[in-house]
Amino acid sequence: LWIDTDITPLFPPERLFDTEAYRRDGAMFWPDLWAQDCDRWGQTAWPRHIAWHLLDLEYNSSDQHYAHEHEAGHLLIDKERHWRPLCLANYFSSRDFFTRVLHGYKDVFRLAWLKLNAANWLCPIRPGLAGGFMRNGMFMAGSLLHFWPADDEFGPALAYGRPIPLYLHQKKIPGSAWNDVVTFRAPVGKCVDYELQPIDPETAGADVWNLFAEYPKIADGIGVADVIWDRAYNRGLDALSEDPRLSEASIARLHPKRNTKATDQYVKMNSACRCDYSNNLWFYLITALADGSSSSKTFDMKHCEIVLREELDTRE
């Protein structure tokens, strides 16, 4: 059982080991937000991403394992049964090239399991967003909310046919971040109108749960988890800050100040020649041009403005 440090379980995770899916397949994964038809996100779900060529896999748009990225903050794997794909996933995650073109390690499990055709269960419910409404009526997400299918081993559907909340993901700093939930109607394998910015649920094809009115027990549970998280964070921070073994520099790192200016590394990454594989935008460009289309649906050509410069000599 792998759980990231920014995961907050809302359900006893050990019960997942007793599910039929785990006993049958020995590996359980959950989807991320991004799918094959997303323009700016979900690169490893794109039909022409370089990973499919490197792994000699024929892309299958009807298979959700190809068409939708995974979220690796929480997963279950039988290590004895699946040691081969685990070794391959470790190979991907320990190679600089793969971590850069895959944006980290989260999809190395998905690709390794696909390459070796290993059995696994992928949750058919896409993640929702936990957050709150701004004064202008827009919903600001603070975390992802992952689910278990309704009417299965963990009980019947909630009111209005909602799935069972399993865990929250992505809370990294104290503060009330979970006041309501929205879930998208689009199925796994399809993109949604969300790009890490506040959304209007109605126009984004999302449903508002109205937690406190419709699901008071879930609202209370999430509220308690929020308070426990903040208290534990602050206790740990205080304990570390008072530890005599820490230097002043180390203590200062415990209280980072947000830098509103772009770092030198960020500037270089965004102005450098995209021929360098250290920036995935070059593969983004190749993917789009290889498709033979420059439509906005396939590729937003504004991303090429800093790539297709007159002074750029591709022979260098």
Protein backbone atom coordinates (compact mmCIF):
# COMPACT_ATOMS: atom_id res chain seq x y z
CA LEU A 1 0.00 0.00 0.00
CA TRP A 2 1.58 3.26 -1.16
CA ILE A 3 0.23 6.51 0.28
CA ASP A 4 1.81 9.90 -0.42
CA THR A 5 2.38 12.21 2.52
CA ASP A 6 -0.27 14.61 1.20
CA ILE A 7 -2.97 11.90 1.18
CA THR A 8 -5.79 12.11 3.76
CA PRO A 9 -7.75 8.81 3.94
CA LEU A 10 -11.50 9.06 4.51
CA PHE A 11 -11.92 5.28 4.59
CA PRO A 12 -9.81 2.52 6.21
CA PRO A 13 -7.34 1.87 3.37
CA GLU A 14 -6.49 -1.62 4.61
CA ARG A 15 -9.99 -2.74 3.56
CA LEU A 16 -8.91 -2.41 -0.07
CA PHE A 17 -6.78 -5.55 0.34
CA ASP A 18 -9.97 -7.57 0.88
CA THR A 19 -11.70 -6.38 -2.28
CA GLU A 20 -12.43 -8.74 -5.15
CA ALA A 21 -10.45 -6.49 -7.50
CA TYR A 22 -7.28 -6.77 -5.46
CA ARG A 23 -7.59 -10.51 -4.91
CA ARG A 24 -8.17 -11.00 -8.64
CA ASP A 25 -5.63 -8.60 -10.17
CA GLY A 26 -3.12 -7.89 -7.41
CA ALA A 27 -2.74 -4.24 -8.45
CA MET A 28 -5.10 -1.28 -8.02
CA PHE A 29 -4.75 2.19 -9.53
CA TRP A 30 -6.77 5.38 -9.65
CA PRO A 31 -7.14 7.84 -12.56
CA ASP A 32 -5.80 11.37 -12.64
CA LEU A 33 -7.69 14.30 -14.20
CA TRP A 34 -6.11 14.20 -17.65
CA ALA A 35 -7.12 12.23 -20.73
CA GLN A 36 -6.21 11.74 -24.37
CA ASP A 37 -8.17 14.75 -25.67
CA CYS A 38 -6.75 17.32 -23.24
CA ASP A 39 -4.87 20.05 -25.10
CA ARG A 40 -2.45 21.22 -22.43
CA TRP A 41 -2.32 18.37 -19.92
CA GLY A 42 -2.24 14.59 -19.92
CA GLN A 43 0.65 14.25 -22.33
CA THR A 44 1.24 10.55 -21.69
CA ALA A 45 -2.38 9.87 -22.67
CA TRP A 46 -1.92 11.48 -26.09
CA PRO A 47 -2.00 8.98 -28.96
CA ARG A 48 1.34 10.17 -30.36
CA HIS A 49 3.31 10.67 -27.18
CA ILE A 50 6.89 9.49 -27.53
CA ALA A 51 6.41 6.87 -24.79
CA TRP A 52 4.35 4.63 -27.09
CA HIS A 53 7.11 4.60 -29.70
CA LEU A 54 9.85 3.96 -27.15
CA LEU A 55 7.92 1.09 -25.56
CA ASP A 56 6.77 -0.33 -28.90
CA LEU A 57 3.12 -0.22 -27.85
CA GLU A 58 0.23 0.26 -30.25
CA TYR A 59 -2.00 2.97 -28.81
CA ASN A 60 -5.58 1.90 -28.08
CA SER A 61 -7.89 4.89 -27.58
CA SER A 62 -10.73 2.64 -26.39
CA ASP A 63 -8.63 1.32 -23.49
CA GLN A 64 -8.72 3.65 -20.47
CA HIS A 65 -5.24 2.51 -19.45
CA TYR A 66 -3.93 4.14 -22.61
CA ALA A 67 -6.38 7.03 -22.86
CA HIS A 68 -6.19 8.35 -19.30
CA GLU A 69 -3.29 9.19 -17.01
CA HIS A 70 -3.00 7.62 -13.56
CA GLU A 71 -2.64 9.23 -10.15
CA ALA A 72 0.12 7.52 -8.20
CA GLY A 73 -0.42 9.13 -4.80
CA HIS A 74 -2.27 6.04 -3.63
CA LEU A 75 -1.97 2.51 -5.02
CA LEU A 76 -1.95 -1.15 -3.99
CA ILE A 77 0.38 -3.75 -5.48
CA ASP A 78 1.06 -7.40 -4.68
CA LYS A 79 4.85 -7.21 -4.87
CA GLU A 80 5.39 -10.95 -5.16
CA ARG A 81 2.95 -11.29 -8.03
CA HIS A 82 3.96 -8.14 -9.87
CA TRP A 83 7.71 -7.85 -9.25
CA ARG A 84 8.44 -7.68 -12.99
CA PRO A 85 6.35 -4.55 -13.79
CA LEU A 86 7.55 -3.03 -10.51
CA CYS A 87 11.15 -3.44 -11.66
CA LEU A 88 10.29 -1.87 -15.01
CA ALA A 89 8.50 1.02 -13.29
CA ASN A 90 11.57 1.50 -11.11
CA TYR A 91 13.73 1.60 -14.24
CA PHE A 92 11.55 4.36 -15.76
CA SER A 93 11.52 6.40 -12.56
CA SER A 94 15.29 6.17 -12.14
CA ARG A 95 16.13 7.34 -15.67
CA ASP A 96 16.43 11.08 -16.18
CA PHE A 97 15.03 10.96 -19.70
CA PHE A 98 11.83 9.17 -18.72
CA THR A 99 11.16 11.31 -15.65
CA ARG A 100 11.38 14.42 -17.80
CA VAL A 101 9.21 13.33 -20.72
CA LEU A 102 6.71 11.73 -18.33
CA HIS A 103 6.60 14.73 -15.95
CA GLY A 104 7.82 12.74 -12.97
CA TYR A 105 7.07 9.20 -11.87
CA LYS A 106 3.28 9.02 -11.59
CA ASP A 107 2.68 7.24 -14.92
CA VAL A 108 5.62 4.84 -14.75
CA PHE A 109 3.37 2.21 -13.13
CA ARG A 110 0.73 2.56 -15.83
CA LEU A 111 3.27 2.27 -18.65
CA ALA A 112 5.11 -0.66 -17.05
CA TRP A 113 1.88 -2.59 -16.53
CA LEU A 114 0.83 -1.90 -20.13
CA LYS A 115 4.19 -2.96 -21.56
CA LEU A 116 4.17 -6.28 -19.70
CA ASN A 117 0.39 -6.75 -20.05
CA ALA A 118 0.13 -7.25 -16.30
CA ALA A 119 -3.25 -7.54 -14.59
CA ASN A 120 -4.57 -4.51 -12.74
CA TRP A 121 -7.75 -2.72 -11.71
CA LEU A 122 -8.31 0.91 -12.64
CA CYS A 123 -11.03 2.75 -10.76
CA PRO A 124 -13.77 3.67 -13.27
CA ILE A 125 -14.58 6.89 -11.38
CA ARG A 126 -12.59 10.00 -12.29
CA PRO A 127 -11.44 12.19 -9.36
CA GLY A 128 -13.51 15.09 -8.11
CA LEU A 129 -12.36 18.40 -6.70
CA ALA A 130 -12.60 19.40 -3.05
CA GLY A 131 -12.48 23.10 -2.31
CA GLY A 132 -14.78 26.06 -1.85
CA PHE A 133 -16.67 28.79 -3.64
CA MET A 134 -15.27 32.27 -4.13
CA ARG A 135 -17.35 35.42 -3.80
CA ASN A 136 -17.76 35.59 -7.57
CA GLY A 137 -19.38 32.14 -7.62
CA MET A 138 -16.36 30.34 -9.05
CA PHE A 139 -15.19 27.11 -7.43
CA MET A 140 -11.57 27.03 -6.24
CA ALA A 141 -10.19 23.52 -5.87
CA GLY A 142 -7.86 22.75 -2.97
CA SER A 143 -7.49 18.99 -3.38
CA LEU A 144 -8.48 15.99 -5.43
CA LEU A 145 -11.08 13.57 -4.09
CA HIS A 146 -10.82 9.93 -5.18
CA PHE A 147 -13.60 7.37 -5.02
CA TRP A 148 -14.75 3.77 -4.89
CA PRO A 149 -17.61 2.75 -7.20
CA ALA A 150 -21.09 2.88 -5.73
CA ASP A 151 -23.14 -0.26 -5.01
CA ASP A 152 -20.02 -2.36 -4.53
CA GLU A 153 -18.16 -3.80 -1.54
CA PHE A 154 -18.14 -0.52 0.38
CA GLY A 155 -21.87 0.03 0.33
CA PRO A 156 -24.68 1.48 -1.75
CA ALA A 157 -24.51 4.73 -3.65
CA LEU A 158 -24.86 7.96 -1.76
CA ALA A 159 -27.77 10.27 -2.47
CA TYR A 160 -28.09 11.14 -6.17
CA GLY A 161 -26.03 8.07 -7.06
CA ARG A 162 -22.73 9.50 -5.81
CA PRO A 163 -19.69 7.17 -5.43
CA ILE A 164 -17.93 6.46 -2.12
CA PRO A 165 -15.19 8.99 -1.16
CA LEU A 166 -11.93 7.22 -0.35
CA TYR A 167 -9.26 9.85 0.15
CA LEU A 168 -8.28 13.46 -0.40
CA HIS A 169 -5.07 14.37 -2.14
CA GLN A 170 -2.88 17.45 -2.50
CA LYS A 171 -3.34 19.36 0.76
CA LYS A 172 0.13 20.70 1.55
CA ILE A 173 -0.36 23.72 3.83
CA PRO A 174 -2.71 24.41 6.79
CA GLY A 175 -6.05 26.07 6.26
CA SER A 176 -9.62 25.10 5.49
CA ALA A 177 -9.52 23.73 1.96
CA TRP A 178 -12.45 21.30 1.86
CA ASN A 179 -15.81 23.04 2.11
CA ASP A 180 -17.55 21.40 -0.84
CA VAL A 181 -17.05 18.91 -3.64
CA VAL A 182 -17.63 18.99 -7.38
CA THR A 183 -17.48 15.95 -9.67
CA PHE A 184 -17.33 15.94 -13.44
CA ARG A 185 -19.88 14.11 -15.57
CA ALA A 186 -17.36 13.15 -18.28
CA PRO A 187 -16.22 9.52 -18.03
CA VAL A 188 -12.66 8.32 -17.58
CA GLY A 189 -10.88 8.64 -20.92
CA LYS A 190 -12.37 12.04 -21.74
CA CYS A 191 -11.03 15.48 -20.89
CA VAL A 192 -12.87 17.96 -18.69
CA ASP A 193 -12.92 21.74 -18.70
CA TYR A 194 -10.48 22.23 -15.86
CA GLU A 195 -6.94 23.65 -16.07
CA LEU A 196 -5.95 24.18 -12.42
CA GLN A 197 -7.89 27.44 -12.27
CA PRO A 198 -11.23 28.37 -10.61
CA ILE A 199 -14.18 26.99 -12.57
CA ASP A 200 -17.86 27.62 -13.03
CA PRO A 201 -19.25 24.12 -12.33
CA GLU A 202 -22.26 24.64 -14.57
CA THR A 203 -20.25 25.49 -17.68
CA ALA A 204 -17.53 22.96 -16.83
CA GLY A 205 -19.94 20.03 -16.86
CA ALA A 206 -19.58 19.43 -13.13
CA ASP A 207 -22.05 18.69 -10.32
CA VAL A 208 -21.89 20.43 -6.94
CA TRP A 209 -22.42 18.08 -4.01
CA ASN A 210 -23.64 20.70 -1.49
CA LEU A 211 -21.92 18.75 1.25
CA PHE A 212 -23.41 20.34 4.35
CA ALA A 213 -26.98 20.13 3.08
CA GLU A 214 -26.96 16.78 1.29
CA TYR A 215 -24.15 14.81 2.96
CA PRO A 216 -23.70 16.14 6.50
CA LYS A 217 -21.85 13.02 7.72
CA ILE A 218 -19.32 13.27 4.92
CA ALA A 219 -19.01 17.01 5.54
CA ASP A 220 -18.36 16.38 9.23
CA GLY A 221 -15.81 13.69 8.45
CA ILE A 222 -13.95 15.89 6.00
CA GLY A 223 -14.08 18.78 8.48
CA VAL A 224 -12.59 16.61 11.23
CA ALA A 225 -9.88 15.37 8.86
CA ASP A 226 -9.10 18.98 7.97
CA VAL A 227 -8.67 19.95 11.63
CA ILE A 228 -6.62 16.85 12.47
CA TRP A 229 -4.33 17.54 9.48
CA ASP A 230 -3.74 21.15 10.55
CA ARG A 231 -3.07 20.25 14.18
CA ALA A 232 -0.67 17.47 13.27
CA TYR A 233 1.14 19.75 10.84
CA ASN A 234 1.53 22.50 13.43
CA ARG A 235 2.65 20.08 16.16
CA GLY A 236 5.28 18.64 13.87
CA LEU A 237 6.40 22.09 12.77
CA ASP A 238 6.73 23.29 16.38
CA ALA A 239 8.65 20.18 17.41
CA LEU A 240 11.11 20.52 14.55
CA SER A 241 11.53 24.25 15.10
CA GLU A 242 12.54 23.62 18.73
CA ASP A 243 14.90 20.73 17.94
CA PRO A 244 18.40 21.84 19.06
CA ARG A 245 20.02 19.71 16.39
CA LEU A 246 18.70 21.92 13.59
CA SER A 247 20.76 24.82 12.34
CA GLU A 248 19.27 28.26 11.78
CA ALA A 249 19.32 27.61 8.05
CA SER A 250 17.41 24.35 8.51
CA ILE A 251 14.83 26.03 10.75
CA ALA A 252 14.37 28.77 8.15
CA ARG A 253 13.56 26.10 5.58
CA LEU A 254 10.67 24.96 7.77
CA HIS A 255 9.04 28.35 7.30
CA PRO A 256 9.45 29.03 3.58
CA LYS A 257 8.39 32.36 2.18
CA ARG A 258 6.47 32.36 -1.04
CA ASN A 259 8.50 33.90 -3.84
CA THR A 260 6.34 35.89 -6.23
CA LYS A 261 9.20 36.31 -8.71
CA ALA A 262 10.20 33.71 -11.26
CA THR A 263 13.37 31.86 -10.33
CA ASP A 264 16.33 31.70 -12.69
CA GLN A 265 15.65 28.03 -13.25
CA TYR A 266 12.04 28.73 -14.22
CA VAL A 267 13.07 31.48 -16.65
CA LYS A 268 15.67 29.25 -18.28
CA MET A 269 13.21 26.39 -18.60
CA ASN A 270 10.66 28.59 -20.34
CA SER A 271 13.02 30.46 -22.65
CA ALA A 272 15.44 27.71 -23.59
CA CYS A 273 15.53 25.97 -26.93
CA ARG A 274 12.95 23.17 -26.80
CA CYS A 275 15.29 20.88 -28.70
CA ASP A 276 16.64 20.05 -25.27
CA TYR A 277 14.65 17.14 -23.84
CA SER A 278 14.79 18.78 -20.40
CA ASN A 279 11.59 20.58 -21.39
CA ASN A 280 8.65 18.48 -22.49
CA LEU A 281 7.25 21.22 -24.74
CA TRP A 282 9.51 20.06 -27.54
CA PHE A 283 7.81 16.65 -27.50
CA TYR A 284 4.50 18.50 -27.28
CA LEU A 285 5.36 20.24 -30.56
CA ILE A 286 6.57 17.06 -32.26
CA THR A 287 3.42 15.23 -31.16
CA ALA A 288 1.16 17.85 -32.69
CA LEU A 289 3.05 18.25 -35.96
CA ALA A 290 3.34 14.49 -36.42
CA ASP A 291 -0.45 14.32 -36.35
CA GLY A 292 -0.57 16.49 -39.47
CA SER A 293 -2.94 18.98 -37.95
CA SER A 294 -2.53 22.40 -36.40
CA SER A 295 -6.12 22.81 -35.26
CA SER A 296 -6.66 24.37 -31.87
CA LYS A 297 -8.21 21.14 -30.69
CA THR A 298 -5.03 19.21 -31.42
CA PHE A 299 -2.49 21.86 -30.62
CA ASP A 300 -2.64 25.50 -29.59
CA MET A 301 -0.08 27.13 -31.86
CA LYS A 302 0.52 29.94 -29.40
CA HIS A 303 2.75 27.48 -27.55
CA CYS A 304 5.07 27.55 -30.57
CA GLU A 305 5.74 31.28 -30.43
CA ILE A 306 8.80 30.77 -28.25
CA VAL A 307 9.84 27.65 -30.13
CA LEU A 308 9.55 28.63 -33.79
CA ARG A 309 11.85 31.63 -33.60
CA GLU A 310 13.53 33.05 -36.68
CA GLU A 311 16.95 32.80 -35.09
CA LEU A 312 16.46 29.16 -34.13
CA ASP A 313 18.74 26.95 -36.20
CA THR A 314 17.55 23.36 -35.82
CA ARG A 315 20.81 22.10 -37.34
CA GLU A 316 22.75 23.16 -34.24
